[in-house]
Amino acid sequence: MDNEKQIDFKIRLTHDEPIELKTMAISLLSLQELINSHISKEHGVSNSKIYLEKVEVGSDIYSLIFQIPAEILPFIAPLKVLKEIIDIMIFFKDYKDKSLNETENNPYLTPKNANLLKDIMSPVVINQNTYNISHADNVIFSINADDAKKISQNAEIIAKIEQSEQSKAYQNVLIYFKVVKDSKQIVKDKAICEAVVKRAVPTEIINHSDKELINKNPFDNYYLVDLLAFSVEGNVKFYQVTKLHSIIPKEKE
């Protein structure tokens, strides 16, 4: 290890129920893969390593050692890489609050990163945990179960969008929402835009303030919007509302 630069960091989970070993192992391995993939893409190095030093007695504290090869120093330090990974996690969490300009062509919003983050956050989402990353006894990242769920949900959306074969932009089109339930009777956001296709399609509203306005009374209005329609093999799979222009009340029957 003499020819490699390293830092020590810890991951701590607090929870009421035990974590399945497989779930935790996949979470740690996915974190290593996310870090290695990021370094490879950003810095052209693919042999970084994470070692499990110990699991501390009395709680789920995983003491880890993160190493990067000496040849890329001092251009990139391991703590900087770790903070870049945390920035990716935060971006996924806040994805729905970002503007289209911030999300479009973002190099980190990839299906691979999305799937890795879902695995990393699984122990938090499943068991309602709190997840902390600390370095030198300072917490540098902390997330609760609700925010971990946001990361996981946004990751699913991003994976669907990025895996679509093509997207088409529509401006100043009318949409309206329907109450659609899946087999578990969970209401999902689906909208009909007859200018695109005459059926309900899963829909995401990018702008947070637009979403708040629509969610006040989603089923009694039409909405004049700009949107992107994402298709696979010519079949529209997903809408992304990029801008709300106006709200038009439906006529009462």
Protein backbone atom coordinates (compact mmCIF):
# COMPACT_ATOMS: atom_id res chain seq x y z
CA MET A 1 0.00 0.00 0.00
CA ASP A 2 3.05 2.25 0.08
CA ASN A 3 2.58 3.40 -3.51
CA GLU A 4 -1.06 4.41 -3.08
CA LYS A 5 -2.74 7.33 -1.39
CA GLN A 6 -5.57 6.50 1.00
CA ILE A 7 -8.11 7.93 3.38
CA ASP A 8 -10.16 6.29 6.09
CA PHE A 9 -13.89 6.86 6.16
CA LYS A 10 -16.88 5.30 7.88
CA ILE A 11 -20.42 4.43 6.90
CA ARG A 12 -22.85 4.26 9.80
CA LEU A 13 -26.41 2.97 9.67
CA THR A 14 -28.88 3.40 12.49
CA HIS A 15 -32.04 1.30 12.34
CA ASP A 16 -34.61 -0.70 14.32
CA GLU A 17 -34.60 -3.88 12.26
CA PRO A 18 -31.65 -6.07 11.18
CA ILE A 19 -30.28 -5.57 7.66
CA GLU A 20 -30.08 -8.60 5.42
CA LEU A 21 -26.42 -9.44 4.77
CA LYS A 22 -26.91 -9.64 0.99
CA THR A 23 -28.54 -6.19 0.88
CA MET A 24 -25.70 -4.60 2.86
CA ALA A 25 -23.01 -6.38 0.85
CA ILE A 26 -24.53 -5.22 -2.45
CA SER A 27 -24.76 -1.69 -1.05
CA LEU A 28 -21.05 -1.58 -0.20
CA LEU A 29 -20.00 -3.20 -3.48
CA SER A 30 -22.17 -0.76 -5.43
CA LEU A 31 -20.52 2.16 -3.63
CA GLN A 32 -17.14 0.81 -4.69
CA GLU A 33 -18.35 0.41 -8.28
CA LEU A 34 -19.78 3.95 -8.34
CA ILE A 35 -16.50 5.39 -7.10
CA ASN A 36 -14.40 3.30 -9.50
CA SER A 37 -16.64 4.15 -12.46
CA HIS A 38 -16.50 7.86 -11.59
CA ILE A 39 -12.71 7.91 -11.34
CA SER A 40 -12.40 5.97 -14.58
CA LYS A 41 -14.70 8.38 -16.43
CA GLU A 42 -13.40 11.61 -14.94
CA HIS A 43 -9.71 10.81 -14.45
CA GLY A 44 -8.94 7.81 -16.67
CA VAL A 45 -7.97 5.50 -13.78
CA SER A 46 -9.84 2.26 -13.08
CA ASN A 47 -7.95 0.54 -10.26
CA SER A 48 -9.07 2.40 -7.17
CA LYS A 49 -9.88 0.16 -4.20
CA ILE A 50 -11.99 0.16 -1.07
CA TYR A 51 -11.01 -2.10 1.82
CA LEU A 52 -13.23 -3.09 4.74
CA GLU A 53 -11.01 -2.48 7.75
CA LYS A 54 -13.50 -3.53 10.44
CA VAL A 55 -17.12 -3.51 11.55
CA GLU A 56 -17.24 -1.75 14.89
CA VAL A 57 -18.86 -3.49 17.83
CA GLY A 58 -22.25 -2.31 19.07
CA SER A 59 -23.59 -0.67 15.91
CA ASP A 60 -23.53 -0.88 12.13
CA ILE A 61 -20.37 1.14 11.58
CA TYR A 62 -18.31 0.05 8.59
CA SER A 63 -14.75 1.38 8.77
CA LEU A 64 -13.41 1.56 5.22
CA ILE A 65 -10.16 2.50 3.52
CA PHE A 66 -10.37 4.17 0.10
CA GLN A 67 -7.23 4.15 -2.05
CA ILE A 68 -6.31 5.66 -5.39
CA PRO A 69 -3.10 5.01 -7.35
CA ALA A 70 -0.18 7.31 -6.62
CA GLU A 71 0.34 8.16 -10.29
CA ILE A 72 -2.73 10.40 -10.40
CA LEU A 73 -1.65 12.38 -7.35
CA PRO A 74 -1.61 15.29 -6.69
CA PHE A 75 -4.14 15.91 -9.46
CA ILE A 76 -6.93 14.20 -7.56
CA ALA A 77 -7.08 13.36 -3.85
CA PRO A 78 -9.28 10.55 -2.49
CA LEU A 79 -11.25 12.85 -0.19
CA LYS A 80 -12.10 15.04 -3.19
CA VAL A 81 -13.34 11.95 -5.06
CA LEU A 82 -15.47 10.92 -2.10
CA LYS A 83 -17.05 14.38 -1.97
CA GLU A 84 -17.72 14.22 -5.73
CA ILE A 85 -19.61 10.97 -5.16
CA ILE A 86 -21.61 12.63 -2.40
CA ASP A 87 -22.44 15.48 -4.82
CA ILE A 88 -23.85 12.89 -7.26
CA MET A 89 -26.02 11.42 -4.49
CA ILE A 90 -27.31 14.89 -3.58
CA PHE A 91 -28.02 15.72 -7.24
CA PHE A 92 -30.13 12.57 -7.58
CA LYS A 93 -32.00 13.45 -4.37
CA ASP A 94 -32.77 16.98 -5.60
CA TYR A 95 -33.35 15.96 -9.23
CA LYS A 96 -36.99 17.06 -9.34
CA ASP A 97 -36.05 20.52 -8.04
CA LYS A 98 -33.52 21.07 -10.81
CA SER A 99 -34.25 23.01 -13.98
CA LEU A 100 -34.25 21.35 -17.39
CA ASN A 101 -31.03 23.21 -18.16
CA GLU A 102 -29.36 21.61 -15.13
CA THR A 103 -30.52 18.08 -15.91
CA GLU A 104 -30.27 17.97 -19.70
CA ASN A 105 -27.08 16.25 -20.85
CA ASN A 106 -25.82 15.93 -17.29
CA PRO A 107 -23.04 13.30 -17.46
CA TYR A 108 -23.92 11.81 -14.07
CA LEU A 109 -27.58 11.08 -14.88
CA THR A 110 -26.98 7.65 -16.38
CA PRO A 111 -28.81 4.31 -15.98
CA LYS A 112 -25.64 2.79 -14.52
CA ASN A 113 -25.33 5.44 -11.80
CA ALA A 114 -29.06 5.24 -11.17
CA ASN A 115 -28.99 1.48 -10.60
CA LEU A 116 -25.90 1.69 -8.41
CA LEU A 117 -27.47 4.39 -6.24
CA LYS A 118 -30.65 2.33 -5.83
CA ASP A 119 -28.51 -0.54 -4.53
CA ILE A 120 -26.48 1.76 -2.27
CA MET A 121 -29.63 3.20 -0.73
CA SER A 122 -31.49 -0.14 -0.39
CA PRO A 123 -30.53 -0.75 3.27
CA VAL A 124 -31.80 2.73 4.11
CA VAL A 125 -35.08 2.48 2.20
CA ILE A 126 -35.97 -1.07 3.24
CA ASN A 127 -35.36 -0.70 6.98
CA GLN A 128 -36.02 3.02 7.46
CA ASN A 129 -32.40 3.66 8.38
CA THR A 130 -30.24 6.74 8.68
CA TYR A 131 -27.08 6.65 6.55
CA ASN A 132 -23.97 8.68 7.42
CA ILE A 133 -20.55 8.97 5.83
CA SER A 134 -17.87 10.41 8.07
CA HIS A 135 -14.17 11.25 7.72
CA ALA A 136 -11.82 12.16 10.58
CA ASP A 137 -14.79 12.01 13.00
CA ASN A 138 -16.72 14.58 10.96
CA VAL A 139 -19.99 13.67 9.23
CA ILE A 140 -19.66 14.77 5.59
CA PHE A 141 -22.93 13.23 4.34
CA SER A 142 -26.11 12.25 6.15
CA ILE A 143 -29.42 11.05 4.73
CA ASN A 144 -32.63 9.73 6.25
CA ALA A 145 -35.02 7.13 4.88
CA ASP A 146 -37.33 9.66 3.19
CA ASP A 147 -34.48 11.29 1.25
CA ALA A 148 -32.99 7.89 0.42
CA LYS A 149 -36.36 6.96 -1.04
CA LYS A 150 -36.26 10.15 -3.14
CA ILE A 151 -32.88 9.10 -4.54
CA SER A 152 -34.22 5.65 -5.35
CA GLN A 153 -37.41 6.97 -6.99
CA ASN A 154 -35.54 9.58 -9.01
CA ALA A 155 -33.04 6.93 -10.06
CA GLU A 156 -35.89 4.86 -11.48
CA ILE A 157 -37.14 7.86 -13.46
CA ILE A 158 -33.68 8.66 -14.80
CA ALA A 159 -33.08 5.05 -15.83
CA LYS A 160 -36.37 5.02 -17.78
CA ILE A 161 -35.56 8.31 -19.52
CA GLU A 162 -31.99 7.40 -20.44
CA GLN A 163 -32.97 3.94 -21.67
CA SER A 164 -35.55 5.38 -24.06
CA GLU A 165 -34.48 5.29 -27.66
CA GLN A 166 -35.65 8.77 -28.52
CA SER A 167 -37.41 11.84 -27.19
CA LYS A 168 -39.54 14.44 -28.92
CA ALA A 169 -40.31 17.92 -27.64
CA TYR A 170 -43.84 19.38 -27.74
CA GLN A 171 -44.66 23.00 -26.94
CA ASN A 172 -47.96 24.52 -25.80
CA VAL A 173 -49.91 21.26 -25.61
CA LEU A 174 -52.81 20.41 -23.31
CA ILE A 175 -52.60 17.60 -20.79
CA TYR A 176 -54.92 16.34 -18.10
CA PHE A 177 -54.42 13.83 -15.32
CA LYS A 178 -56.30 10.63 -14.57
CA VAL A 179 -56.58 8.61 -11.38
CA VAL A 180 -54.68 5.46 -12.29
CA LYS A 181 -53.98 2.67 -9.81
CA ASP A 182 -51.67 -0.30 -10.15
CA SER A 183 -52.30 -3.85 -8.91
CA LYS A 184 -51.42 -2.76 -5.37
CA GLN A 185 -53.93 0.11 -5.52
CA ILE A 186 -51.21 2.73 -5.44
CA VAL A 187 -52.10 5.96 -7.28
CA LYS A 188 -49.54 6.86 -9.93
CA ASP A 189 -49.01 10.11 -11.86
CA LYS A 190 -50.32 9.57 -15.37
CA ALA A 191 -51.43 12.19 -17.86
CA ILE A 192 -53.15 12.21 -21.23
CA CYS A 193 -51.81 14.44 -23.99
CA GLU A 194 -54.01 13.86 -27.01
CA ALA A 195 -51.56 15.77 -29.23
CA VAL A 196 -49.13 12.89 -28.66
CA VAL A 197 -51.14 9.75 -27.88
CA LYS A 198 -54.69 9.17 -26.65
CA ARG A 199 -53.84 7.17 -23.51
CA ALA A 200 -52.53 7.83 -20.03
CA VAL A 201 -48.73 7.89 -19.82
CA PRO A 202 -46.50 8.03 -16.68
CA THR A 203 -45.60 11.68 -16.18
CA GLU A 204 -42.95 13.58 -14.28
CA ILE A 205 -43.17 17.32 -13.57
CA ILE A 206 -39.64 18.73 -13.53
CA ASN A 207 -40.14 22.12 -11.92
CA HIS A 208 -40.94 21.96 -8.21
CA SER A 209 -43.19 25.05 -8.18
CA ASP A 210 -45.10 23.77 -11.25
CA LYS A 211 -45.64 20.45 -9.50
CA GLU A 212 -46.98 22.17 -6.40
CA LEU A 213 -49.50 24.14 -8.51
CA ILE A 214 -50.68 21.05 -10.38
CA ASN A 215 -50.93 18.91 -7.27
CA LYS A 216 -53.32 21.34 -5.60
CA ASN A 217 -56.20 20.05 -7.74
CA PRO A 218 -54.82 17.82 -10.49
CA PHE A 219 -58.01 16.23 -11.83
CA ASP A 220 -60.27 19.30 -12.30
CA ASN A 221 -58.08 21.19 -14.77
CA TYR A 222 -56.35 21.10 -18.12
CA TYR A 223 -52.73 22.23 -18.21
CA LEU A 224 -51.02 24.02 -21.06
CA VAL A 225 -47.42 22.80 -20.96
CA ASP A 226 -44.19 22.08 -22.79
CA LEU A 227 -43.19 18.46 -22.53
CA LEU A 228 -40.81 15.77 -23.72
CA ALA A 229 -42.21 12.41 -24.85
CA PHE A 230 -39.83 9.48 -24.48
CA SER A 231 -40.36 6.46 -26.74
CA VAL A 232 -39.09 2.91 -27.12
CA GLU A 233 -39.61 1.25 -30.51
CA GLY A 234 -42.03 4.03 -31.42
CA ASN A 235 -44.16 3.48 -28.31
CA VAL A 236 -44.47 6.48 -25.95
CA LYS A 237 -43.43 5.33 -22.48
CA PHE A 238 -42.91 8.49 -20.45
CA TYR A 239 -43.68 12.21 -20.35
CA GLN A 240 -41.54 14.87 -18.74
CA VAL A 241 -43.32 18.22 -18.22
CA THR A 242 -40.65 20.88 -18.65
CA LYS A 243 -42.79 24.02 -18.27
CA LEU A 244 -46.29 24.91 -17.11
CA HIS A 245 -47.79 27.85 -19.03
CA SER A 246 -51.34 28.03 -17.69
CA ILE A 247 -54.10 26.18 -15.83
CA ILE A 248 -57.51 25.88 -17.51
CA PRO A 249 -60.47 24.71 -15.36
CA LYS A 250 -62.62 21.96 -16.83
CA GLU A 251 -66.26 22.70 -17.43
CA LYS A 252 -68.48 21.32 -14.68
CA GLU A 253 -70.85 18.62 -15.92
